[in-house]
C-alpha cells in the first residue's frame, strides 16, 4: 500500500479543477438562517433527483445541517462574489446584512442566484474529515447569468 500524499500537494492538485460556487443554507430550530460557501456540489441521480454537498467536520454549523429536514443550495453569479467571500470567511453571523427569502419548506434562499435547489435531507455519510450530505431535490429554479467559478484558489467567471 502506498503512502498518502501530503495535504498541500492534494490542495494544489485539486485547485486545478474548476468548480462552480454555491452557498449551502439551512435554518436552525429557532428559525435563524445559516450557511457556508461550498464548491463540493454534485448531482447524484435523476430518478429520484439527488444531489450531494460536502461539509467539513470542524464547521460550526454542520450540526444544523445534520438535524434539519431541509437545506438549500444557491448557485452564485459573478455579481455575488462578495457573498461567496463572506460565507467562506466569516465564522459567525454569516447572514448579517444579507437579504434572503424562504423556499417552500423554509430553507434560506439568496435573491438573484443563478439557480437554487431546496433539498430534503436523505443521508449523511461521515468520510475522512468531512460529511457528505445527500439531499433529494424537492423544489428548484434557475435563471440566466454568468456563473461564478473557483479555480486555482481564486474566483473566476465564464467568459
N, C-alpha and C. Protein backbone atom coordinates (compact mmCIF):
# COMPACT_ATOMS: atom_id res chain seq x y z
N UNK A 1 0.85 -1.17 0.00
CA UNK A 1 0.00 0.00 0.00
C UNK A 1 0.89 1.24 0.00
N UNK A 2 0.59 2.19 -0.87
CA UNK A 2 1.41 3.39 -0.95
C UNK A 2 0.97 4.41 0.09
N UNK A 3 1.90 5.29 0.44
CA UNK A 3 1.62 6.34 1.41
C UNK A 3 0.74 7.41 0.78
N UNK A 4 -0.09 8.05 1.60
CA UNK A 4 -0.95 9.13 1.11
C UNK A 4 -0.08 10.35 0.77
N UNK A 5 -0.56 11.16 -0.16
CA UNK A 5 0.17 12.38 -0.50
C UNK A 5 -0.02 13.40 0.61
N UNK A 6 0.84 14.38 0.65
CA UNK A 6 0.75 15.40 1.69
C UNK A 6 -0.42 16.34 1.39
N UNK A 7 -1.01 16.97 2.42
CA UNK A 7 -2.18 17.84 2.22
C UNK A 7 -1.95 18.99 1.25
N UNK A 8 -0.75 19.60 1.26
CA UNK A 8 -0.52 20.73 0.37
C UNK A 8 -0.52 20.29 -1.10
N UNK A 9 0.07 19.15 -1.40
CA UNK A 9 0.04 18.64 -2.77
C UNK A 9 -1.39 18.35 -3.18
N UNK A 10 -2.15 17.74 -2.28
CA UNK A 10 -3.55 17.44 -2.57
C UNK A 10 -4.33 18.72 -2.87
N UNK A 11 -4.17 19.76 -2.05
CA UNK A 11 -4.85 21.05 -2.29
C UNK A 11 -4.43 21.66 -3.63
N UNK A 12 -3.13 21.62 -3.91
CA UNK A 12 -2.61 22.22 -5.14
C UNK A 12 -3.18 21.53 -6.37
N UNK A 13 -3.24 20.23 -6.34
CA UNK A 13 -3.77 19.49 -7.48
C UNK A 13 -5.28 19.71 -7.60
N UNK A 14 -6.00 19.66 -6.51
CA UNK A 14 -7.46 19.88 -6.56
C UNK A 14 -7.79 21.29 -7.05
N UNK A 15 -6.92 22.26 -6.78
CA UNK A 15 -7.15 23.63 -7.22
C UNK A 15 -7.16 23.76 -8.73
N UNK A 16 -6.67 22.75 -9.42
CA UNK A 16 -6.65 22.79 -10.89
C UNK A 16 -7.95 22.30 -11.50
N UNK A 17 -8.91 21.97 -10.67
CA UNK A 17 -10.23 21.57 -11.15
C UNK A 17 -11.19 22.72 -10.90
N UNK A 18 -11.69 23.34 -11.95
CA UNK A 18 -12.61 24.46 -11.82
C UNK A 18 -13.96 23.96 -11.32
N UNK A 19 -14.52 24.68 -10.34
CA UNK A 19 -15.82 24.31 -9.80
C UNK A 19 -16.72 25.54 -9.76
N UNK A 20 -18.00 25.29 -9.79
CA UNK A 20 -18.96 26.34 -9.54
C UNK A 20 -18.92 26.70 -8.06
N UNK A 21 -19.49 27.84 -7.73
CA UNK A 21 -19.51 28.30 -6.34
C UNK A 21 -20.95 28.39 -5.89
N UNK A 22 -21.21 27.83 -4.73
CA UNK A 22 -22.56 27.84 -4.19
C UNK A 22 -22.52 28.15 -2.70
N UNK A 23 -23.65 28.60 -2.19
CA UNK A 23 -23.81 28.78 -0.76
C UNK A 23 -24.89 27.79 -0.32
N UNK A 24 -24.52 26.88 0.58
CA UNK A 24 -25.47 25.94 1.16
C UNK A 24 -26.07 26.60 2.39
N UNK A 25 -27.39 26.50 2.52
CA UNK A 25 -28.09 27.20 3.60
C UNK A 25 -29.02 26.26 4.35
N UNK A 26 -29.28 26.63 5.60
CA UNK A 26 -30.13 25.83 6.47
C UNK A 26 -30.71 26.75 7.54
N UNK A 27 -31.80 26.33 8.16
CA UNK A 27 -32.37 27.10 9.26
C UNK A 27 -32.16 26.32 10.55
N UNK A 28 -31.81 27.06 11.61
CA UNK A 28 -31.71 26.48 12.95
C UNK A 28 -33.12 26.22 13.48
N UNK A 29 -33.25 25.40 14.51
CA UNK A 29 -34.58 25.16 15.08
C UNK A 29 -35.31 26.45 15.50
N UNK A 30 -34.56 27.49 15.85
CA UNK A 30 -35.20 28.76 16.23
C UNK A 30 -35.54 29.62 15.02
N UNK A 31 -35.25 29.14 13.80
CA UNK A 31 -35.60 29.85 12.58
C UNK A 31 -34.52 30.72 11.99
N UNK A 32 -33.40 30.90 12.68
CA UNK A 32 -32.34 31.74 12.14
C UNK A 32 -31.66 31.06 10.96
N UNK A 33 -31.30 31.85 9.94
CA UNK A 33 -30.64 31.28 8.76
C UNK A 33 -29.14 31.12 8.99
N UNK A 34 -28.58 30.08 8.41
CA UNK A 34 -27.14 29.82 8.46
C UNK A 34 -26.71 29.30 7.10
N UNK A 35 -25.44 29.49 6.78
CA UNK A 35 -24.95 28.99 5.51
C UNK A 35 -23.44 29.07 5.41
N UNK A 36 -22.92 28.45 4.36
CA UNK A 36 -21.49 28.48 4.09
C UNK A 36 -21.25 28.27 2.61
N UNK A 37 -20.13 28.81 2.13
CA UNK A 37 -19.74 28.63 0.74
C UNK A 37 -19.23 27.21 0.54
N UNK A 38 -19.70 26.58 -0.53
CA UNK A 38 -19.26 25.23 -0.86
C UNK A 38 -18.89 25.19 -2.34
N UNK A 39 -17.91 24.39 -2.67
CA UNK A 39 -17.65 24.10 -4.08
C UNK A 39 -17.73 22.61 -4.32
N UNK A 40 -18.10 21.88 -3.28
CA UNK A 40 -18.26 20.44 -3.42
C UNK A 40 -19.75 20.12 -3.57
N UNK A 41 -20.26 20.35 -4.75
CA UNK A 41 -21.65 20.06 -5.11
C UNK A 41 -21.61 19.10 -6.29
N UNK A 42 -22.45 18.08 -6.25
CA UNK A 42 -22.53 17.14 -7.37
C UNK A 42 -23.96 16.64 -7.51
N UNK A 43 -24.44 16.58 -8.73
CA UNK A 43 -25.70 15.89 -8.96
C UNK A 43 -25.40 14.39 -8.88
N UNK A 44 -26.29 13.65 -8.25
CA UNK A 44 -26.05 12.23 -8.00
C UNK A 44 -26.98 11.35 -8.83
N UNK A 45 -28.25 11.74 -8.90
CA UNK A 45 -29.24 10.88 -9.54
C UNK A 45 -30.34 11.74 -10.15
N UNK A 46 -30.89 11.28 -11.26
CA UNK A 46 -32.02 11.94 -11.89
C UNK A 46 -33.34 11.42 -11.34
N UNK A 47 -33.44 10.13 -11.12
CA UNK A 47 -34.65 9.50 -10.59
C UNK A 47 -34.31 8.66 -9.38
N UNK A 48 -34.55 9.11 -8.18
CA UNK A 48 -35.07 10.43 -7.83
C UNK A 48 -33.97 11.49 -7.97
N UNK A 49 -34.36 12.77 -8.03
CA UNK A 49 -33.35 13.82 -8.17
C UNK A 49 -32.57 14.01 -6.87
N UNK A 50 -31.32 13.56 -6.88
CA UNK A 50 -30.46 13.63 -5.69
C UNK A 50 -29.21 14.44 -5.99
N UNK A 51 -28.77 15.19 -4.99
CA UNK A 51 -27.50 15.94 -5.07
C UNK A 51 -26.71 15.64 -3.81
N UNK A 52 -25.43 16.04 -3.82
CA UNK A 52 -24.65 15.96 -2.59
C UNK A 52 -23.81 17.21 -2.44
N UNK A 53 -23.56 17.54 -1.18
CA UNK A 53 -22.60 18.57 -0.81
C UNK A 53 -21.73 17.98 0.28
N UNK A 54 -20.54 18.53 0.45
CA UNK A 54 -19.63 18.07 1.49
C UNK A 54 -19.34 19.23 2.43
N UNK A 55 -19.36 18.94 3.73
CA UNK A 55 -19.09 19.95 4.76
C UNK A 55 -18.08 19.37 5.73
N UNK A 56 -17.06 20.15 6.04
CA UNK A 56 -16.01 19.72 6.96
C UNK A 56 -16.52 19.49 8.37
N UNK A 57 -15.93 18.50 9.03
CA UNK A 57 -16.32 18.16 10.40
C UNK A 57 -16.15 19.32 11.37
N UNK A 58 -15.21 20.22 11.11
CA UNK A 58 -14.96 21.33 12.04
C UNK A 58 -15.90 22.50 11.82
N UNK A 59 -16.74 22.45 10.79
CA UNK A 59 -17.67 23.54 10.51
C UNK A 59 -18.68 23.65 11.65
N UNK A 60 -18.80 24.84 12.21
CA UNK A 60 -19.66 25.05 13.37
C UNK A 60 -21.13 24.80 13.09
N UNK A 61 -21.55 24.94 11.84
CA UNK A 61 -22.97 24.77 11.55
C UNK A 61 -23.31 23.38 10.97
N UNK A 62 -22.33 22.51 10.87
CA UNK A 62 -22.61 21.15 10.40
C UNK A 62 -23.73 20.49 11.22
N UNK A 63 -23.75 20.64 12.54
CA UNK A 63 -24.85 20.00 13.30
C UNK A 63 -26.24 20.47 12.84
N UNK A 64 -26.36 21.71 12.39
CA UNK A 64 -27.66 22.20 11.90
C UNK A 64 -28.06 21.48 10.62
N UNK A 65 -27.10 21.24 9.73
CA UNK A 65 -27.40 20.50 8.51
C UNK A 65 -27.77 19.06 8.83
N UNK A 66 -27.20 18.50 9.87
CA UNK A 66 -27.47 17.12 10.23
C UNK A 66 -28.88 16.93 10.80
N UNK A 67 -29.42 17.97 11.46
CA UNK A 67 -30.73 17.81 12.11
C UNK A 67 -31.89 18.43 11.33
N UNK A 68 -31.60 19.32 10.42
CA UNK A 68 -32.68 19.99 9.68
C UNK A 68 -33.24 19.07 8.60
N UNK A 69 -34.55 19.02 8.44
CA UNK A 69 -35.11 18.18 7.37
C UNK A 69 -34.85 18.73 5.97
N UNK A 70 -34.59 20.05 5.86
CA UNK A 70 -34.38 20.67 4.55
C UNK A 70 -33.16 21.58 4.57
N UNK A 71 -32.48 21.65 3.44
CA UNK A 71 -31.41 22.62 3.22
C UNK A 71 -31.51 23.09 1.77
N UNK A 72 -30.81 24.15 1.45
CA UNK A 72 -30.82 24.67 0.08
C UNK A 72 -29.40 24.85 -0.41
N UNK A 73 -29.26 24.86 -1.73
CA UNK A 73 -28.00 25.16 -2.38
C UNK A 73 -28.30 26.28 -3.38
N UNK A 74 -27.57 27.40 -3.23
CA UNK A 74 -27.74 28.58 -4.07
C UNK A 74 -26.51 28.73 -4.96
N UNK A 75 -26.68 28.66 -6.29
CA UNK A 75 -25.57 28.79 -7.22
C UNK A 75 -25.34 30.28 -7.48
N UNK A 76 -24.11 30.73 -7.28
CA UNK A 76 -23.82 32.16 -7.32
C UNK A 76 -23.43 32.65 -8.71
N UNK A 77 -23.78 33.91 -8.95
CA UNK A 77 -23.38 34.60 -10.17
C UNK A 77 -22.10 35.37 -9.90
N UNK A 78 -21.49 35.87 -10.96
CA UNK A 78 -20.28 36.68 -10.84
C UNK A 78 -20.54 37.89 -9.93
N UNK A 79 -21.72 38.45 -10.01
CA UNK A 79 -22.06 39.63 -9.21
C UNK A 79 -22.20 39.31 -7.72
N UNK A 80 -22.21 38.03 -7.36
CA UNK A 80 -22.37 37.63 -5.96
C UNK A 80 -21.06 37.16 -5.32
N UNK A 81 -19.94 37.52 -5.90
CA UNK A 81 -18.66 37.10 -5.34
C UNK A 81 -18.50 37.55 -3.90
N UNK A 82 -19.02 38.73 -3.55
CA UNK A 82 -18.93 39.21 -2.17
C UNK A 82 -19.63 38.26 -1.21
N UNK A 83 -20.74 37.66 -1.65
CA UNK A 83 -21.43 36.68 -0.81
C UNK A 83 -20.58 35.42 -0.65
N UNK A 84 -19.94 34.99 -1.73
CA UNK A 84 -19.08 33.81 -1.65
C UNK A 84 -17.98 34.02 -0.62
N UNK A 85 -17.37 35.19 -0.65
CA UNK A 85 -16.29 35.51 0.29
C UNK A 85 -16.83 35.58 1.72
N UNK A 86 -17.93 36.29 1.90
CA UNK A 86 -18.50 36.45 3.24
C UNK A 86 -18.88 35.10 3.85
N UNK A 87 -19.53 34.24 3.06
CA UNK A 87 -19.97 32.95 3.59
C UNK A 87 -18.81 31.97 3.74
N UNK A 88 -17.67 32.26 3.13
CA UNK A 88 -16.48 31.42 3.28
C UNK A 88 -15.61 31.87 4.45
N UNK A 89 -15.50 33.17 4.66
CA UNK A 89 -14.54 33.69 5.64
C UNK A 89 -15.13 33.91 7.03
N UNK A 90 -16.37 34.34 7.10
CA UNK A 90 -16.97 34.56 8.42
C UNK A 90 -17.21 33.23 9.11
N UNK A 91 -17.08 33.23 10.42
CA UNK A 91 -17.41 32.02 11.17
C UNK A 91 -18.74 32.18 11.89
N UNK A 92 -19.11 33.40 12.22
CA UNK A 92 -20.38 33.66 12.89
C UNK A 92 -21.19 34.65 12.07
N UNK A 93 -22.48 34.63 12.25
CA UNK A 93 -23.38 35.64 11.69
C UNK A 93 -23.17 35.88 10.20
N UNK A 94 -23.04 34.82 9.44
CA UNK A 94 -22.80 34.95 8.00
C UNK A 94 -23.96 35.64 7.28
N UNK A 95 -25.16 35.61 7.85
CA UNK A 95 -26.31 36.24 7.22
C UNK A 95 -26.49 37.70 7.64
N UNK A 96 -25.62 38.23 8.49
CA UNK A 96 -25.74 39.64 8.88
C UNK A 96 -25.70 40.54 7.65
N UNK A 97 -26.74 41.33 7.46
CA UNK A 97 -26.80 42.25 6.34
C UNK A 97 -27.11 41.61 5.00
N UNK A 98 -27.42 40.34 4.98
CA UNK A 98 -27.70 39.62 3.73
C UNK A 98 -29.21 39.42 3.58
N UNK A 99 -29.73 39.85 2.42
CA UNK A 99 -31.14 39.61 2.12
C UNK A 99 -31.34 38.14 1.78
N UNK A 100 -32.49 37.61 2.20
CA UNK A 100 -32.82 36.23 1.87
C UNK A 100 -34.33 36.07 1.94
N UNK A 101 -34.80 34.98 1.38
CA UNK A 101 -36.21 34.63 1.45
C UNK A 101 -36.32 33.12 1.61
N UNK A 102 -37.53 32.64 1.90
CA UNK A 102 -37.73 31.22 2.19
C UNK A 102 -38.12 30.43 0.95
N UNK A 103 -37.53 29.26 0.81
CA UNK A 103 -38.00 28.28 -0.16
C UNK A 103 -39.31 27.71 0.39
N UNK A 104 -40.05 26.94 -0.40
CA UNK A 104 -41.34 26.44 0.07
C UNK A 104 -41.31 25.71 1.41
N UNK A 105 -40.23 25.01 1.74
CA UNK A 105 -40.13 24.32 3.02
C UNK A 105 -39.28 25.06 4.05
N UNK A 106 -38.95 26.32 3.75
CA UNK A 106 -38.29 27.17 4.73
C UNK A 106 -36.80 27.33 4.62
N UNK A 107 -36.14 26.60 3.74
CA UNK A 107 -34.68 26.76 3.60
C UNK A 107 -34.38 28.16 3.07
N UNK A 108 -33.32 28.81 3.55
CA UNK A 108 -32.98 30.16 3.11
C UNK A 108 -32.48 30.19 1.66
N UNK A 109 -33.00 31.14 0.89
CA UNK A 109 -32.57 31.34 -0.49
C UNK A 109 -32.01 32.74 -0.65
N UNK A 110 -31.00 32.87 -1.50
CA UNK A 110 -30.36 34.15 -1.78
C UNK A 110 -30.93 34.74 -3.06
N UNK A 111 -31.47 35.96 -3.00
CA UNK A 111 -32.03 36.57 -4.21
C UNK A 111 -30.98 36.70 -5.30
N UNK A 112 -31.42 36.61 -6.53
CA UNK A 112 -30.58 36.82 -7.73
C UNK A 112 -29.56 35.72 -7.97
N UNK A 113 -29.68 34.60 -7.27
CA UNK A 113 -28.78 33.48 -7.54
C UNK A 113 -29.06 32.93 -8.94
N UNK A 114 -28.06 32.33 -9.52
CA UNK A 114 -28.17 31.74 -10.85
C UNK A 114 -29.18 30.59 -10.83
N UNK A 115 -29.20 29.88 -9.75
CA UNK A 115 -30.14 28.78 -9.57
C UNK A 115 -30.16 28.38 -8.11
N UNK A 116 -31.20 27.67 -7.72
CA UNK A 116 -31.28 27.18 -6.34
C UNK A 116 -32.02 25.85 -6.33
N UNK A 117 -31.73 25.08 -5.30
CA UNK A 117 -32.41 23.81 -5.06
C UNK A 117 -32.71 23.72 -3.58
N UNK A 118 -33.95 23.40 -3.26
CA UNK A 118 -34.29 23.08 -1.88
C UNK A 118 -34.33 21.56 -1.80
N UNK A 119 -33.64 21.00 -0.81
CA UNK A 119 -33.47 19.56 -0.72
C UNK A 119 -33.94 19.03 0.62
N UNK A 120 -34.55 17.86 0.58
CA UNK A 120 -34.88 17.13 1.81
C UNK A 120 -33.68 16.25 2.13
N UNK A 121 -33.17 16.36 3.33
CA UNK A 121 -32.00 15.57 3.73
C UNK A 121 -32.35 14.09 3.70
N UNK A 122 -31.58 13.34 2.92
CA UNK A 122 -31.80 11.90 2.78
C UNK A 122 -30.79 11.07 3.56
N UNK A 123 -29.53 11.55 3.60
CA UNK A 123 -28.49 10.74 4.23
C UNK A 123 -27.30 11.63 4.56
N UNK A 124 -26.59 11.27 5.61
CA UNK A 124 -25.33 11.91 5.97
C UNK A 124 -24.31 10.80 6.14
N UNK A 125 -23.21 10.92 5.41
CA UNK A 125 -22.18 9.90 5.44
C UNK A 125 -20.88 10.55 5.92
N UNK A 126 -20.35 10.07 7.02
CA UNK A 126 -19.08 10.58 7.54
C UNK A 126 -17.94 9.87 6.81
N UNK A 127 -17.07 10.67 6.16
CA UNK A 127 -15.93 10.13 5.42
C UNK A 127 -14.74 11.05 5.64
N UNK A 128 -13.63 10.50 6.10
CA UNK A 128 -12.45 11.33 6.33
C UNK A 128 -12.78 12.45 7.31
N UNK A 129 -12.42 13.68 6.94
CA UNK A 129 -12.68 14.82 7.83
C UNK A 129 -13.87 15.65 7.37
N UNK A 130 -14.76 15.04 6.59
CA UNK A 130 -15.95 15.71 6.08
C UNK A 130 -17.18 14.81 6.23
N UNK A 131 -18.34 15.43 6.07
CA UNK A 131 -19.59 14.69 5.95
C UNK A 131 -20.16 14.96 4.57
N UNK A 132 -20.64 13.92 3.95
CA UNK A 132 -21.34 14.02 2.68
C UNK A 132 -22.82 14.07 3.00
N UNK A 133 -23.48 15.13 2.58
CA UNK A 133 -24.92 15.27 2.78
C UNK A 133 -25.59 15.01 1.44
N UNK A 134 -26.49 14.05 1.44
CA UNK A 134 -27.24 13.74 0.23
C UNK A 134 -28.66 14.26 0.43
N UNK A 135 -29.11 15.03 -0.56
CA UNK A 135 -30.44 15.60 -0.48
C UNK A 135 -31.26 15.28 -1.71
N UNK A 136 -32.56 15.06 -1.50
CA UNK A 136 -33.47 14.90 -2.62
C UNK A 136 -34.04 16.27 -2.96
N UNK A 137 -33.89 16.67 -4.20
CA UNK A 137 -34.35 17.99 -4.63
C UNK A 137 -35.88 17.97 -4.69
N UNK A 138 -36.50 18.88 -3.92
CA UNK A 138 -37.96 18.95 -3.88
C UNK A 138 -38.49 20.21 -4.54
N UNK A 139 -37.67 21.25 -4.65
CA UNK A 139 -38.02 22.48 -5.35
C UNK A 139 -36.74 23.05 -5.95
N UNK A 140 -36.87 23.71 -7.11
CA UNK A 140 -35.69 24.29 -7.76
C UNK A 140 -36.13 25.33 -8.78
N UNK A 141 -35.23 26.23 -9.09
CA UNK A 141 -35.46 27.21 -10.15
C UNK A 141 -34.10 27.75 -10.60
N UNK A 142 -34.08 28.32 -11.80
CA UNK A 142 -32.84 28.86 -12.35
C UNK A 142 -33.16 30.06 -13.23
N UNK A 143 -32.14 30.86 -13.47
CA UNK A 143 -32.24 32.00 -14.38
C UNK A 143 -30.94 32.10 -15.17
N UNK A 144 -30.94 32.91 -16.19
CA UNK A 144 -29.75 33.12 -16.99
C UNK A 144 -28.78 34.03 -16.24
N UNK A 145 -27.49 33.89 -16.52
CA UNK A 145 -26.49 34.74 -15.92
C UNK A 145 -25.10 34.17 -16.07
N UNK A 146 -24.13 34.91 -15.57
CA UNK A 146 -22.73 34.48 -15.62
C UNK A 146 -22.37 33.78 -14.32
N UNK A 147 -21.91 32.56 -14.41
CA UNK A 147 -21.59 31.75 -13.24
C UNK A 147 -20.27 32.17 -12.60
N UNK A 148 -20.26 32.16 -11.28
CA UNK A 148 -19.03 32.37 -10.53
C UNK A 148 -18.32 31.03 -10.41
N UNK A 149 -17.04 31.01 -10.73
CA UNK A 149 -16.23 29.80 -10.65
C UNK A 149 -15.10 29.97 -9.66
N UNK A 150 -14.57 28.84 -9.20
CA UNK A 150 -13.40 28.86 -8.34
C UNK A 150 -12.36 27.97 -9.01
N UNK A 151 -11.19 28.56 -9.30
CA UNK A 151 -10.12 27.84 -9.98
C UNK A 151 -8.78 28.36 -9.51
N UNK A 152 -7.87 27.45 -9.21
CA UNK A 152 -6.52 27.80 -8.80
C UNK A 152 -6.52 28.80 -7.63
N UNK A 153 -7.41 28.52 -6.67
CA UNK A 153 -7.52 29.26 -5.41
C UNK A 153 -7.98 30.70 -5.57
N UNK A 154 -8.73 30.99 -6.64
CA UNK A 154 -9.29 32.32 -6.79
C UNK A 154 -10.59 32.26 -7.59
N UNK A 155 -11.40 33.29 -7.46
CA UNK A 155 -12.67 33.37 -8.16
C UNK A 155 -12.46 33.78 -9.61
N UNK A 156 -13.23 33.18 -10.48
CA UNK A 156 -13.17 33.44 -11.92
C UNK A 156 -14.58 33.56 -12.45
N UNK A 157 -14.71 33.89 -13.71
CA UNK A 157 -16.03 33.89 -14.35
C UNK A 157 -15.91 33.24 -15.71
N UNK A 158 -17.05 32.72 -16.17
CA UNK A 158 -17.08 32.13 -17.50
C UNK A 158 -17.03 33.28 -18.49
N UNK A 159 -16.14 33.21 -19.46
CA UNK A 159 -16.00 34.30 -20.43
C UNK A 159 -16.50 33.88 -21.78
